[in-house]
Amino acid sequence: MNVLEYINKWTPAVERTLNRLLPAGTRPLPFIQASKHLIRAGGKRLRPCLTLACCEVVGGRAEEVLEAAAAFELLHTFSLIHDDIMDHSDLRRGVKTVHRIWGEPMAILAGDALFAKVFEALSLNAKRMGLEGGKAAHLFQMVSRASFELSRGQAMDMLFSQRPTLREEEYLEMVALKTGALMRASAASGALLGGGTPSQVKRLGEYGENLGIAFQIQDDILGLVGEEDELGKPVGSDLVEGKRTLVISFALEMLKGRERKKLLRTLGNPSATKEEVKEVISLLEERGVLERTRKRALEFSGKARKLLRGFGESEALTFLEGLTEFVIERRV
């Protein structure tokens, strides 16, 4: 079973679980609508499927961890709502961002609501499975830590955008927190709930972190070379927002003279024209910046795949192995 087949198999159950967990009722209507907006807009549902597959690969039953799986989609969406406010983004998943429709105060509350629902979902799952205290505490600790690290990574991302340069190791630390931590928790939680050994939980957590770093590096590349209707946001938006991605870190190191000046005129310049953005992107391709960045993404996806050695053959393992290629080859 390939990656998309596995996702398609489990997405209906994940969607039903999310719908049960989302804020209910009709009052106040703007709050309810804002809370559901990005969830209803779709998404790849990679994090829930990662939880389900890691549960199965250690011998557990995916049906028993659906609330926990959905919790990671809620946590991810909470972070997107707040990130969009901080980045002043207009589009997400092909629709207007929450704060553009309902305003920043309501968007903050919508994000907070989803964050609260994360722990309700985990509690429901723990109660239904009859988790003993130590195991339940471990689950909540992993998710709490991931939430904190995600916020710390976003803070670093914001602060880095104010700096003229960024070292590769600083970028990697930031994405390990901002993206890797949530993938780590998604994978490790599935393994924990599936009855995995401490060693299996640790290895699958490390798999998730490396997968997350590869995912984010590829995301940064797609933000420059993808298609706007597939990305759900303008191509080059990270560039004009001044995001210090690995692409930009390498570009500042590799471009010299006029080419470097051209990059700096566009970087962090909301007034940059589409033509100027295209010229910079062409430069990044011609000078090997994007290729160098792709190679780093491949290194992390390779590390993730190696961590799967020793797990028995199963549909879940095939999915997890395929995911290491999918995060690099995807177009959205």
C-alpha atoms as a PDB file:
ATOM      1  CA  MET A   1       0.000   0.000   0.000  1.00  0.00           C
ATOM      2  CA  ASN A   2       1.572   3.290  -1.082  1.00  0.00           C
ATOM      3  CA  VAL A   3       1.466   6.585   0.790  1.00  0.00           C
ATOM      4  CA  LEU A   4      -1.645   8.023  -0.851  1.00  0.00           C
ATOM      5  CA  GLU A   5      -3.537   4.724  -0.559  1.00  0.00           C
ATOM      6  CA  TYR A   6      -2.812   4.596   3.174  1.00  0.00           C
ATOM      7  CA  ILE A   7      -3.836   8.238   3.629  1.00  0.00           C
ATOM      8  CA  ASN A   8      -7.031   7.690   1.617  1.00  0.00           C
ATOM      9  CA  LYS A   9      -7.811   4.582   3.665  1.00  0.00           C
ATOM     10  CA  TRP A  10      -7.669   6.425   6.986  1.00  0.00           C
ATOM     11  CA  THR A  11      -8.701   9.990   6.111  1.00  0.00           C
ATOM     12  CA  PRO A  12     -12.483   9.363   6.374  1.00  0.00           C
ATOM     13  CA  ALA A  13     -12.095   8.024   9.933  1.00  0.00           C
ATOM     14  CA  VAL A  14      -9.784  10.915  10.847  1.00  0.00           C
ATOM     15  CA  GLU A  15     -12.299  13.424   9.432  1.00  0.00           C
ATOM     16  CA  ARG A  16     -15.168  11.887  11.403  1.00  0.00           C
ATOM     17  CA  THR A  17     -13.087  12.065  14.563  1.00  0.00           C
ATOM     18  CA  LEU A  18     -12.122  15.690  13.907  1.00  0.00           C
ATOM     19  CA  ASN A  19     -15.767  16.623  13.341  1.00  0.00           C
ATOM     20  CA  ARG A  20     -16.701  15.102  16.707  1.00  0.00           C
ATOM     21  CA  LEU A  21     -13.922  17.026  18.430  1.00  0.00           C
ATOM     22  CA  LEU A  22     -14.378  20.456  16.830  1.00  0.00           C
ATOM     23  CA  PRO A  23     -16.180  23.151  18.844  1.00  0.00           C
ATOM     24  CA  ALA A  24     -19.919  22.496  18.661  1.00  0.00           C
ATOM     25  CA  GLY A  25     -22.989  24.726  18.772  1.00  0.00           C
ATOM     26  CA  THR A  26     -23.791  27.978  16.998  1.00  0.00           C
ATOM     27  CA  ARG A  27     -22.886  30.658  19.546  1.00  0.00           C
ATOM     28  CA  PRO A  28     -20.982  32.792  19.067  1.00  0.00           C
ATOM     29  CA  LEU A  29     -21.149  31.944  15.369  1.00  0.00           C
ATOM     30  CA  PRO A  30     -17.962  33.771  14.249  1.00  0.00           C
ATOM     31  CA  PHE A  31     -15.935  31.874  16.878  1.00  0.00           C
ATOM     32  CA  ILE A  32     -17.344  28.490  15.821  1.00  0.00           C
ATOM     33  CA  GLN A  33     -16.808  29.237  12.127  1.00  0.00           C
ATOM     34  CA  ALA A  34     -13.269  30.517  12.663  1.00  0.00           C
ATOM     35  CA  SER A  35     -12.340  27.434  14.698  1.00  0.00           C
ATOM     36  CA  LYS A  36     -13.464  25.066  11.948  1.00  0.00           C
ATOM     37  CA  HIS A  37     -12.261  27.075   8.932  1.00  0.00           C
ATOM     38  CA  LEU A  38      -8.797  25.602   8.248  1.00  0.00           C
ATOM     39  CA  ILE A  39      -9.755  22.076   9.288  1.00  0.00           C
ATOM     40  CA  ARG A  40     -12.603  22.177   6.764  1.00  0.00           C
ATOM     41  CA  ALA A  41     -10.231  23.570   4.108  1.00  0.00           C
ATOM     42  CA  GLY A  42      -8.527  20.177   3.927  1.00  0.00           C
ATOM     43  CA  GLY A  43      -4.856  19.329   4.182  1.00  0.00           C
ATOM     44  CA  LYS A  44      -2.717  16.242   3.741  1.00  0.00           C
ATOM     45  CA  ARG A  45      -3.478  14.766   7.214  1.00  0.00           C
ATOM     46  CA  LEU A  46       0.097  13.448   7.354  1.00  0.00           C
ATOM     47  CA  ARG A  47       0.441  13.815  11.119  1.00  0.00           C
ATOM     48  CA  PRO A  48      -2.666  11.776  12.018  1.00  0.00           C
ATOM     49  CA  CYS A  49      -1.662   9.066   9.544  1.00  0.00           C
ATOM     50  CA  LEU A  50       1.835   9.067  11.026  1.00  0.00           C
ATOM     51  CA  THR A  51       0.326   8.365  14.452  1.00  0.00           C
ATOM     52  CA  LEU A  52      -1.880   5.587  13.080  1.00  0.00           C
ATOM     53  CA  ALA A  53       0.949   3.925  11.143  1.00  0.00           C
ATOM     54  CA  CYS A  54       3.378   4.042  14.073  1.00  0.00           C
ATOM     55  CA  CYS A  55       0.724   2.413  16.233  1.00  0.00           C
ATOM     56  CA  GLU A  56       0.258  -0.362  13.676  1.00  0.00           C
ATOM     57  CA  VAL A  57       3.944  -0.933  12.972  1.00  0.00           C
ATOM     58  CA  VAL A  58       4.543  -1.936  16.621  1.00  0.00           C
ATOM     59  CA  GLY A  59       1.521  -4.261  16.622  1.00  0.00           C
ATOM     60  CA  GLY A  60      -1.262  -1.937  17.789  1.00  0.00           C
ATOM     61  CA  ARG A  61      -4.679  -1.268  16.227  1.00  0.00           C
ATOM     62  CA  ALA A  62      -5.040   2.075  14.466  1.00  0.00           C
ATOM     63  CA  GLU A  63      -8.787   2.224  15.225  1.00  0.00           C
ATOM     64  CA  GLU A  64      -7.946   2.552  18.914  1.00  0.00           C
ATOM     65  CA  VAL A  65      -5.855   5.727  18.551  1.00  0.00           C
ATOM     66  CA  LEU A  66      -8.002   7.891  16.271  1.00  0.00           C
ATOM     67  CA  GLU A  67      -8.556  10.619  18.873  1.00  0.00           C
ATOM     68  CA  ALA A  68      -4.820  10.895  19.508  1.00  0.00           C
ATOM     69  CA  ALA A  69      -4.193  11.002  15.757  1.00  0.00           C
ATOM     70  CA  ALA A  70      -6.763  13.773  15.345  1.00  0.00           C
ATOM     71  CA  ALA A  71      -5.162  15.654  18.238  1.00  0.00           C
ATOM     72  CA  PHE A  72      -2.020  16.178  16.160  1.00  0.00           C
ATOM     73  CA  GLU A  73      -4.030  17.650  13.289  1.00  0.00           C
ATOM     74  CA  LEU A  74      -5.696  20.022  15.763  1.00  0.00           C
ATOM     75  CA  LEU A  75      -2.316  21.008  17.204  1.00  0.00           C
ATOM     76  CA  HIS A  76      -0.882  21.537  13.721  1.00  0.00           C
ATOM     77  CA  THR A  77      -3.864  23.677  12.667  1.00  0.00           C
ATOM     78  CA  PHE A  78      -3.668  25.755  15.854  1.00  0.00           C
ATOM     79  CA  SER A  79      -0.055  26.555  14.978  1.00  0.00           C
ATOM     80  CA  LEU A  80      -0.978  27.483  11.390  1.00  0.00           C
ATOM     81  CA  ILE A  81      -3.660  29.943  12.518  1.00  0.00           C
ATOM     82  CA  HIS A  82      -1.249  31.728  14.844  1.00  0.00           C
ATOM     83  CA  ASP A  83       1.653  31.561  12.350  1.00  0.00           C
ATOM     84  CA  ASP A  84      -0.511  33.207   9.695  1.00  0.00           C
ATOM     85  CA  ILE A  85      -1.253  36.097  12.043  1.00  0.00           C
ATOM     86  CA  MET A  86       2.443  36.612  12.780  1.00  0.00           C
ATOM     87  CA  ASP A  87       3.414  36.330   9.104  1.00  0.00           C
ATOM     88  CA  HIS A  88       0.511  38.533   7.903  1.00  0.00           C
ATOM     89  CA  SER A  89      -0.411  35.762   5.448  1.00  0.00           C
ATOM     90  CA  ASP A  90      -3.494  36.071   3.244  1.00  0.00           C
ATOM     91  CA  LEU A  91      -3.893  32.478   2.038  1.00  0.00           C
ATOM     92  CA  ARG A  92      -3.627  29.029   3.566  1.00  0.00           C
ATOM     93  CA  ARG A  93      -4.729  25.743   1.980  1.00  0.00           C
ATOM     94  CA  GLY A  94      -6.142  27.723  -0.931  1.00  0.00           C
ATOM     95  CA  VAL A  95      -8.550  29.782   1.202  1.00  0.00           C
ATOM     96  CA  LYS A  96      -8.328  33.079   3.050  1.00  0.00           C
ATOM     97  CA  THR A  97      -6.567  32.839   6.391  1.00  0.00           C
ATOM     98  CA  VAL A  98      -8.660  32.919   9.556  1.00  0.00           C
ATOM     99  CA  HIS A  99      -7.515  36.395  10.617  1.00  0.00           C
ATOM    100  CA  ARG A 100      -8.271  37.846   7.167  1.00  0.00           C
ATOM    101  CA  ILE A 101     -11.914  36.791   7.488  1.00  0.00           C
ATOM    102  CA  TRP A 102     -12.654  37.176  11.204  1.00  0.00           C
ATOM    103  CA  GLY A 103      -9.864  39.500  12.391  1.00  0.00           C
ATOM    104  CA  GLU A 104      -6.848  38.817  14.573  1.00  0.00           C
ATOM    105  CA  PRO A 105      -8.580  38.670  17.996  1.00  0.00           C
ATOM    106  CA  MET A 106     -11.063  36.021  16.816  1.00  0.00           C
ATOM    107  CA  ALA A 107      -8.301  34.099  15.025  1.00  0.00           C
ATOM    108  CA  ILE A 108      -6.268  33.971  18.241  1.00  0.00           C
ATOM    109  CA  LEU A 109      -9.303  32.606  20.089  1.00  0.00           C
ATOM    110  CA  ALA A 110      -9.957  30.049  17.333  1.00  0.00           C
ATOM    111  CA  GLY A 111      -6.381  28.814  17.617  1.00  0.00           C
ATOM    112  CA  ASP A 112      -6.665  28.651  21.397  1.00  0.00           C
ATOM    113  CA  ALA A 113      -9.867  26.612  21.063  1.00  0.00           C
ATOM    114  CA  LEU A 114      -8.141  24.032  18.870  1.00  0.00           C
ATOM    115  CA  PHE A 115      -5.225  23.862  21.302  1.00  0.00           C
ATOM    116  CA  ALA A 116      -7.651  23.117  24.150  1.00  0.00           C
ATOM    117  CA  LYS A 117      -9.304  20.402  22.059  1.00  0.00           C
ATOM    118  CA  VAL A 118      -5.924  18.678  21.642  1.00  0.00           C
ATOM    119  CA  PHE A 119      -5.898  17.690  25.294  1.00  0.00           C
ATOM    120  CA  GLU A 120      -9.575  16.779  25.303  1.00  0.00           C
ATOM    121  CA  ALA A 121      -8.866  14.382  22.418  1.00  0.00           C
ATOM    122  CA  LEU A 122      -5.902  12.825  24.217  1.00  0.00           C
ATOM    123  CA  SER A 123      -7.947  12.450  27.411  1.00  0.00           C
ATOM    124  CA  LEU A 124     -10.763  10.704  25.549  1.00  0.00           C
ATOM    125  CA  ASN A 125      -8.310   8.300  23.937  1.00  0.00           C
ATOM    126  CA  ALA A 126      -6.495   7.575  27.200  1.00  0.00           C
ATOM    127  CA  LYS A 127      -9.780   6.953  29.035  1.00  0.00           C
ATOM    128  CA  ARG A 128     -11.203   4.682  26.335  1.00  0.00           C
ATOM    129  CA  MET A 129      -8.011   2.605  26.228  1.00  0.00           C
ATOM    130  CA  GLY A 130      -7.839   2.460  30.018  1.00  0.00           C
ATOM    131  CA  LEU A 131      -4.273   3.766  30.054  1.00  0.00           C
ATOM    132  CA  GLU A 132      -2.541   3.398  33.406  1.00  0.00           C
ATOM    133  CA  GLY A 133      -1.188   6.554  35.020  1.00  0.00           C
ATOM    134  CA  GLY A 134       2.448   6.301  33.959  1.00  0.00           C
ATOM    135  CA  LYS A 135       1.662   5.683  30.302  1.00  0.00           C
ATOM    136  CA  ALA A 136      -0.953   8.446  30.181  1.00  0.00           C
ATOM    137  CA  ALA A 137       1.477  10.849  31.843  1.00  0.00           C
ATOM    138  CA  HIS A 138       4.135   9.954  29.255  1.00  0.00           C
ATOM    139  CA  LEU A 139       1.671  10.658  26.430  1.00  0.00           C
ATOM    140  CA  PHE A 140       0.700  14.065  27.805  1.00  0.00           C
ATOM    141  CA  GLN A 141       4.320  14.921  28.523  1.00  0.00           C
ATOM    142  CA  MET A 142       5.331  14.197  24.916  1.00  0.00           C
ATOM    143  CA  VAL A 143       2.546  16.355  23.496  1.00  0.00           C
ATOM    144  CA  SER A 144       3.134  19.183  25.985  1.00  0.00           C
ATOM    145  CA  ARG A 145       6.845  19.205  25.158  1.00  0.00           C
ATOM    146  CA  ALA A 146       6.120  19.233  21.417  1.00  0.00           C
ATOM    147  CA  SER A 147       3.736  22.176  21.885  1.00  0.00           C
ATOM    148  CA  PHE A 148       6.380  24.143  23.759  1.00  0.00           C
ATOM    149  CA  GLU A 149       9.104  23.298  21.242  1.00  0.00           C
ATOM    150  CA  LEU A 150       6.827  24.247  18.359  1.00  0.00           C
ATOM    151  CA  SER A 151       6.304  27.685  19.936  1.00  0.00           C
ATOM    152  CA  ARG A 152      10.024  28.051  20.607  1.00  0.00           C
ATOM    153  CA  GLY A 153      10.780  27.198  16.989  1.00  0.00           C
ATOM    154  CA  GLN A 154       8.278  29.780  15.744  1.00  0.00           C
ATOM    155  CA  ALA A 155       9.845  32.410  18.007  1.00  0.00           C
ATOM    156  CA  MET A 156      13.254  31.607  16.524  1.00  0.00           C
ATOM    157  CA  ASP A 157      11.806  31.808  13.007  1.00  0.00           C
ATOM    158  CA  MET A 158      10.440  35.292  13.712  1.00  0.00           C
ATOM    159  CA  LEU A 159      13.679  36.526  15.258  1.00  0.00           C
ATOM    160  CA  PHE A 160      15.795  35.073  12.455  1.00  0.00           C
ATOM    161  CA  SER A 161      13.864  37.115   9.867  1.00  0.00           C
ATOM    162  CA  GLN A 162      15.300  40.266  11.466  1.00  0.00           C
ATOM    163  CA  ARG A 163      18.879  39.097  10.954  1.00  0.00           C
ATOM    164  CA  PRO A 164      21.006  39.651   7.840  1.00  0.00           C
ATOM    165  CA  THR A 165      22.397  36.088   7.821  1.00  0.00           C
ATOM    166  CA  LEU A 166      21.635  32.674   9.265  1.00  0.00           C
ATOM    167  CA  ARG A 167      23.930  29.705   9.749  1.00  0.00           C
ATOM    168  CA  GLU A 168      22.801  26.286   8.570  1.00  0.00           C
ATOM    169  CA  GLU A 169      22.997  24.808  12.078  1.00  0.00           C
ATOM    170  CA  GLU A 170      20.731  27.591  13.395  1.00  0.00           C
ATOM    171  CA  TYR A 171      18.148  26.867  10.709  1.00  0.00           C
ATOM    172  CA  LEU A 172      18.248  23.135  11.430  1.00  0.00           C
ATOM    173  CA  GLU A 173      17.775  23.745  15.153  1.00  0.00           C
ATOM    174  CA  MET A 174      14.783  25.945  14.378  1.00  0.00           C
ATOM    175  CA  VAL A 175      13.032  23.453  12.054  1.00  0.00           C
ATOM    176  CA  ALA A 176      13.775  20.556  14.413  1.00  0.00           C
ATOM    177  CA  LEU A 177      11.656  22.498  16.902  1.00  0.00           C
ATOM    178  CA  LYS A 178       9.062  24.103  14.645  1.00  0.00           C
ATOM    179  CA  THR A 179       8.312  21.103  12.414  1.00  0.00           C
ATOM    180  CA  GLY A 180      10.340  18.155  13.686  1.00  0.00           C
ATOM    181  CA  ALA A 181       8.999  18.234  17.251  1.00  0.00           C
ATOM    182  CA  LEU A 182       5.376  17.774  16.196  1.00  0.00           C
ATOM    183  CA  MET A 183       6.264  14.969  13.777  1.00  0.00           C
ATOM    184  CA  ARG A 184       8.344  13.346  16.529  1.00  0.00           C
ATOM    185  CA  ALA A 185       5.426  13.466  18.961  1.00  0.00           C
ATOM    186  CA  SER A 186       2.947  12.235  16.320  1.00  0.00           C
ATOM    187  CA  ALA A 187       5.093   9.172  15.631  1.00  0.00           C
ATOM    188  CA  ALA A 188       6.191   8.436  19.195  1.00  0.00           C
ATOM    189  CA  SER A 189       2.648   8.772  20.571  1.00  0.00           C
ATOM    190  CA  GLY A 190       1.351   6.244  18.051  1.00  0.00           C
ATOM    191  CA  ALA A 191       4.105   3.817  19.025  1.00  0.00           C
ATOM    192  CA  LEU A 192       3.453   4.352  22.740  1.00  0.00           C
ATOM    193  CA  LEU A 193      -0.297   3.784  22.414  1.00  0.00           C
ATOM    194  CA  GLY A 194       0.289   0.794  20.154  1.00  0.00           C
ATOM    195  CA  GLY A 195       2.252  -0.956  22.890  1.00  0.00           C
ATOM    196  CA  GLY A 196       5.732  -0.366  21.500  1.00  0.00           C
ATOM    197  CA  THR A 197       8.836  -0.919  23.608  1.00  0.00           C
ATOM    198  CA  PRO A 198      10.732   2.138  24.918  1.00  0.00           C
ATOM    199  CA  SER A 199      13.331   1.517  22.193  1.00  0.00           C
ATOM    200  CA  GLN A 200      10.667   1.430  19.468  1.00  0.00           C
ATOM    201  CA  VAL A 201       9.007   4.585  20.784  1.00  0.00           C
ATOM    202  CA  LYS A 202      12.371   6.365  20.786  1.00  0.00           C
ATOM    203  CA  ARG A 203      13.334   5.198  17.284  1.00  0.00           C
ATOM    204  CA  LEU A 204       9.997   6.108  15.751  1.00  0.00           C
ATOM    205  CA  GLY A 205      10.148   9.494  17.456  1.00  0.00           C
ATOM    206  CA  GLU A 206      13.570  10.075  15.880  1.00  0.00           C
ATOM    207  CA  TYR A 207      12.142   8.902  12.558  1.00  0.00           C
ATOM    208  CA  GLY A 208       9.396  11.517  12.877  1.00  0.00           C
ATOM    209  CA  GLU A 209      11.837  14.308  13.699  1.00  0.00           C
ATOM    210  CA  ASN A 210      14.101  13.568  10.728  1.00  0.00           C
ATOM    211  CA  LEU A 211      11.062  13.226   8.484  1.00  0.00           C
ATOM    212  CA  GLY A 212       9.809  16.598   9.728  1.00  0.00           C
ATOM    213  CA  ILE A 213      13.109  18.330   8.978  1.00  0.00           C
ATOM    214  CA  ALA A 214      13.167  16.859   5.452  1.00  0.00           C
ATOM    215  CA  PHE A 215       9.527  17.907   5.024  1.00  0.00           C
ATOM    216  CA  GLN A 216      10.247  21.501   6.050  1.00  0.00           C
ATOM    217  CA  ILE A 217      13.316  21.856   3.830  1.00  0.00           C
ATOM    218  CA  GLN A 218      11.270  20.613   0.862  1.00  0.00           C
ATOM    219  CA  ASP A 219       8.454  22.960   1.889  1.00  0.00           C
ATOM    220  CA  ASP A 220      10.886  25.876   1.674  1.00  0.00           C
ATOM    221  CA  ILE A 221      11.918  24.770  -1.826  1.00  0.00           C
ATOM    222  CA  LEU A 222       8.304  24.341  -2.968  1.00  0.00           C
ATOM    223  CA  GLY A 223       7.554  27.854  -1.757  1.00  0.00           C
ATOM    224  CA  LEU A 224       9.853  29.037  -4.553  1.00  0.00           C
ATOM    225  CA  VAL A 225       9.303  26.546  -7.381  1.00  0.00           C
ATOM    226  CA  GLY A 226       5.796  25.175  -6.759  1.00  0.00           C
ATOM    227  CA  GLU A 227       2.499  26.158  -8.377  1.00  0.00           C
ATOM    228  CA  GLU A 228       0.371  28.744  -6.572  1.00  0.00           C
ATOM    229  CA  ASP A 229      -2.890  26.819  -7.036  1.00  0.00           C
ATOM    230  CA  GLU A 230      -1.244  23.721  -5.536  1.00  0.00           C
ATOM    231  CA  LEU A 231       0.583  25.519  -2.725  1.00  0.00           C
ATOM    232  CA  GLY A 232      -2.466  27.479  -1.636  1.00  0.00           C
ATOM    233  CA  LYS A 233      -0.312  30.611  -1.245  1.00  0.00           C
ATOM    234  CA  PRO A 234       1.678  32.906  -3.569  1.00  0.00           C
ATOM    235  CA  VAL A 235       4.941  31.493  -4.947  1.00  0.00           C
ATOM    236  CA  GLY A 236       7.865  33.358  -3.402  1.00  0.00           C
ATOM    237  CA  SER A 237       5.866  34.576  -0.400  1.00  0.00           C
ATOM    238  CA  ASP A 238       8.578  33.364   2.005  1.00  0.00           C
ATOM    239  CA  LEU A 239      11.099  35.425   0.038  1.00  0.00           C
ATOM    240  CA  VAL A 240       9.210  38.725   0.212  1.00  0.00           C
ATOM    241  CA  GLU A 241       8.298  38.051   3.863  1.00  0.00           C
ATOM    242  CA  GLY A 242      12.024  37.806   4.635  1.00  0.00           C
ATOM    243  CA  LYS A 243      11.904  34.215   5.945  1.00  0.00           C
ATOM    244  CA  ARG A 244      15.354  32.854   6.711  1.00  0.00           C
ATOM    245  CA  THR A 245      15.006  29.410   5.166  1.00  0.00           C
ATOM    246  CA  LEU A 246      17.835  27.008   4.360  1.00  0.00           C
ATOM    247  CA  VAL A 247      17.544  28.143   0.736  1.00  0.00           C
ATOM    248  CA  ILE A 248      18.196  31.732   1.798  1.00  0.00           C
ATOM    249  CA  SER A 249      21.005  30.699   4.142  1.00  0.00           C
ATOM    250  CA  PHE A 250      22.771  28.938   1.262  1.00  0.00           C
ATOM    251  CA  ALA A 251      21.966  31.774  -1.171  1.00  0.00           C
ATOM    252  CA  LEU A 252      23.541  34.406   1.076  1.00  0.00           C
ATOM    253  CA  GLU A 253      26.626  32.223   1.278  1.00  0.00           C
ATOM    254  CA  MET A 254      26.855  31.372  -2.431  1.00  0.00           C
ATOM    255  CA  LEU A 255      25.733  34.513  -4.279  1.00  0.00           C
ATOM    256  CA  LYS A 256      28.225  37.326  -4.731  1.00  0.00           C
ATOM    257  CA  GLY A 257      28.292  40.891  -6.061  1.00  0.00           C
ATOM    258  CA  ARG A 258      25.292  42.000  -8.130  1.00  0.00           C
ATOM    259  CA  GLU A 259      23.515  38.695  -7.683  1.00  0.00           C
ATOM    260  CA  ARG A 260      23.670  38.982  -3.912  1.00  0.00           C
ATOM    261  CA  LYS A 261      22.413  42.586  -4.106  1.00  0.00           C
ATOM    262  CA  LYS A 262      19.500  41.452  -6.276  1.00  0.00           C
ATOM    263  CA  LEU A 263      18.589  38.863  -3.643  1.00  0.00           C
ATOM    264  CA  LEU A 264      18.815  41.403  -0.817  1.00  0.00           C
ATOM    265  CA  ARG A 265      16.584  43.886  -2.697  1.00  0.00           C
ATOM    266  CA  THR A 266      13.842  41.260  -2.844  1.00  0.00           C
ATOM    267  CA  LEU A 267      14.320  39.541   0.516  1.00  0.00           C
ATOM    268  CA  GLY A 268      11.866  40.964   3.042  1.00  0.00           C
ATOM    269  CA  ASN A 269      10.481  43.462   0.522  1.00  0.00           C
ATOM    270  CA  PRO A 270       6.662  43.271   0.256  1.00  0.00           C
ATOM    271  CA  SER A 271       6.833  45.750  -2.635  1.00  0.00           C
ATOM    272  CA  ALA A 272       8.956  43.425  -4.782  1.00  0.00           C
ATOM    273  CA  THR A 273       7.304  42.712  -8.139  1.00  0.00           C
ATOM    274  CA  LYS A 274       6.491  39.219  -9.406  1.00  0.00           C
ATOM    275  CA  GLU A 275       9.151  39.703 -12.077  1.00  0.00           C
ATOM    276  CA  GLU A 276      11.799  40.529  -9.468  1.00  0.00           C
ATOM    277  CA  VAL A 277      10.831  37.457  -7.452  1.00  0.00           C
ATOM    278  CA  LYS A 278      11.030  35.261 -10.580  1.00  0.00           C
ATOM    279  CA  GLU A 279      14.501  36.621 -11.384  1.00  0.00           C
ATOM    280  CA  VAL A 280      15.776  35.744  -7.920  1.00  0.00           C
ATOM    281  CA  ILE A 281      14.267  32.245  -8.088  1.00  0.00           C
ATOM    282  CA  SER A 282      15.950  31.697 -11.470  1.00  0.00           C
ATOM    283  CA  LEU A 283      19.254  32.762  -9.920  1.00  0.00           C
ATOM    284  CA  LEU A 284      18.824  30.256  -7.100  1.00  0.00           C
ATOM    285  CA  GLU A 285      18.302  27.472  -9.620  1.00  0.00           C
ATOM    286  CA  GLU A 286      21.147  28.512 -11.936  1.00  0.00           C
ATOM    287  CA  ARG A 287      23.715  28.846  -9.153  1.00  0.00           C
ATOM    288  CA  GLY A 288      22.924  25.467  -7.610  1.00  0.00           C
ATOM    289  CA  VAL A 289      21.366  26.844  -4.432  1.00  0.00           C
ATOM    290  CA  LEU A 290      18.168  24.811  -4.777  1.00  0.00           C
ATOM    291  CA  GLU A 291      20.058  21.638  -5.685  1.00  0.00           C
ATOM    292  CA  ARG A 292      22.281  21.968  -2.612  1.00  0.00           C
ATOM    293  CA  THR A 293      19.164  22.443  -0.479  1.00  0.00           C
ATOM    294  CA  ARG A 294      17.480  19.375  -2.009  1.00  0.00           C
ATOM    295  CA  LYS A 295      20.503  17.260  -1.121  1.00  0.00           C
ATOM    296  CA  ARG A 296      20.178  18.254   2.540  1.00  0.00           C
ATOM    297  CA  ALA A 297      16.496  17.294   2.499  1.00  0.00           C
ATOM    298  CA  LEU A 298      17.445  13.906   1.039  1.00  0.00           C
ATOM    299  CA  GLU A 299      20.011  13.371   3.801  1.00  0.00           C
ATOM    300  CA  PHE A 300      17.352  13.776   6.492  1.00  0.00           C
ATOM    301  CA  SER A 301      14.791  11.607   4.689  1.00  0.00           C
ATOM    302  CA  GLY A 302      17.515   8.952   4.368  1.00  0.00           C
ATOM    303  CA  LYS A 303      18.194   9.116   8.110  1.00  0.00           C
ATOM    304  CA  ALA A 304      14.471   8.666   8.742  1.00  0.00           C
ATOM    305  CA  ARG A 305      14.302   5.572   6.523  1.00  0.00           C
ATOM    306  CA  LYS A 306      17.281   3.928   8.258  1.00  0.00           C
ATOM    307  CA  LEU A 307      15.480   4.240  11.595  1.00  0.00           C
ATOM    308  CA  LEU A 308      12.757   1.907  10.274  1.00  0.00           C
ATOM    309  CA  ARG A 309      15.130  -1.052   9.973  1.00  0.00           C
ATOM    310  CA  GLY A 310      14.101  -3.981  12.142  1.00  0.00           C
ATOM    311  CA  PHE A 311      10.330  -3.437  12.022  1.00  0.00           C
ATOM    312  CA  GLY A 312       8.321  -6.313  10.536  1.00  0.00           C
ATOM    313  CA  GLU A 313       6.780  -6.080   7.078  1.00  0.00           C
ATOM    314  CA  SER A 314       3.317  -4.520   7.096  1.00  0.00           C
ATOM    315  CA  GLU A 315       1.150  -1.981   5.286  1.00  0.00           C
ATOM    316  CA  ALA A 316       2.096   0.523   7.962  1.00  0.00           C
ATOM    317  CA  LEU A 317       5.826  -0.020   7.424  1.00  0.00           C
ATOM    318  CA  THR A 318       5.403   0.356   3.656  1.00  0.00           C
ATOM    319  CA  PHE A 319       3.622   3.663   4.309  1.00  0.00           C
ATOM    320  CA  LEU A 320       6.330   4.917   6.678  1.00  0.00           C
ATOM    321  CA  GLU A 321       9.068   3.944   4.215  1.00  0.00           C
ATOM    322  CA  GLY A 322       7.181   5.559   1.348  1.00  0.00           C
ATOM    323  CA  LEU A 323       6.693   8.710   3.379  1.00  0.00           C
ATOM    324  CA  THR A 324      10.461   9.316   3.374  1.00  0.00           C
ATOM    325  CA  GLU A 325      10.265   9.601  -0.430  1.00  0.00           C
ATOM    326  CA  PHE A 326       6.878  11.326  -0.526  1.00  0.00           C
ATOM    327  CA  VAL A 327       8.007  14.313   1.551  1.00  0.00           C
ATOM    328  CA  ILE A 328      10.771  14.977  -0.995  1.00  0.00           C
ATOM    329  CA  GLU A 329       8.877  14.232  -4.214  1.00  0.00           C
ATOM    330  CA  ARG A 330       5.596  15.978  -3.330  1.00  0.00           C
ATOM    331  CA  ARG A 331       4.448  19.103  -5.155  1.00  0.00           C
ATOM    332  CA  VAL A 332       2.256  20.479  -2.359  1.00  0.00           C
END
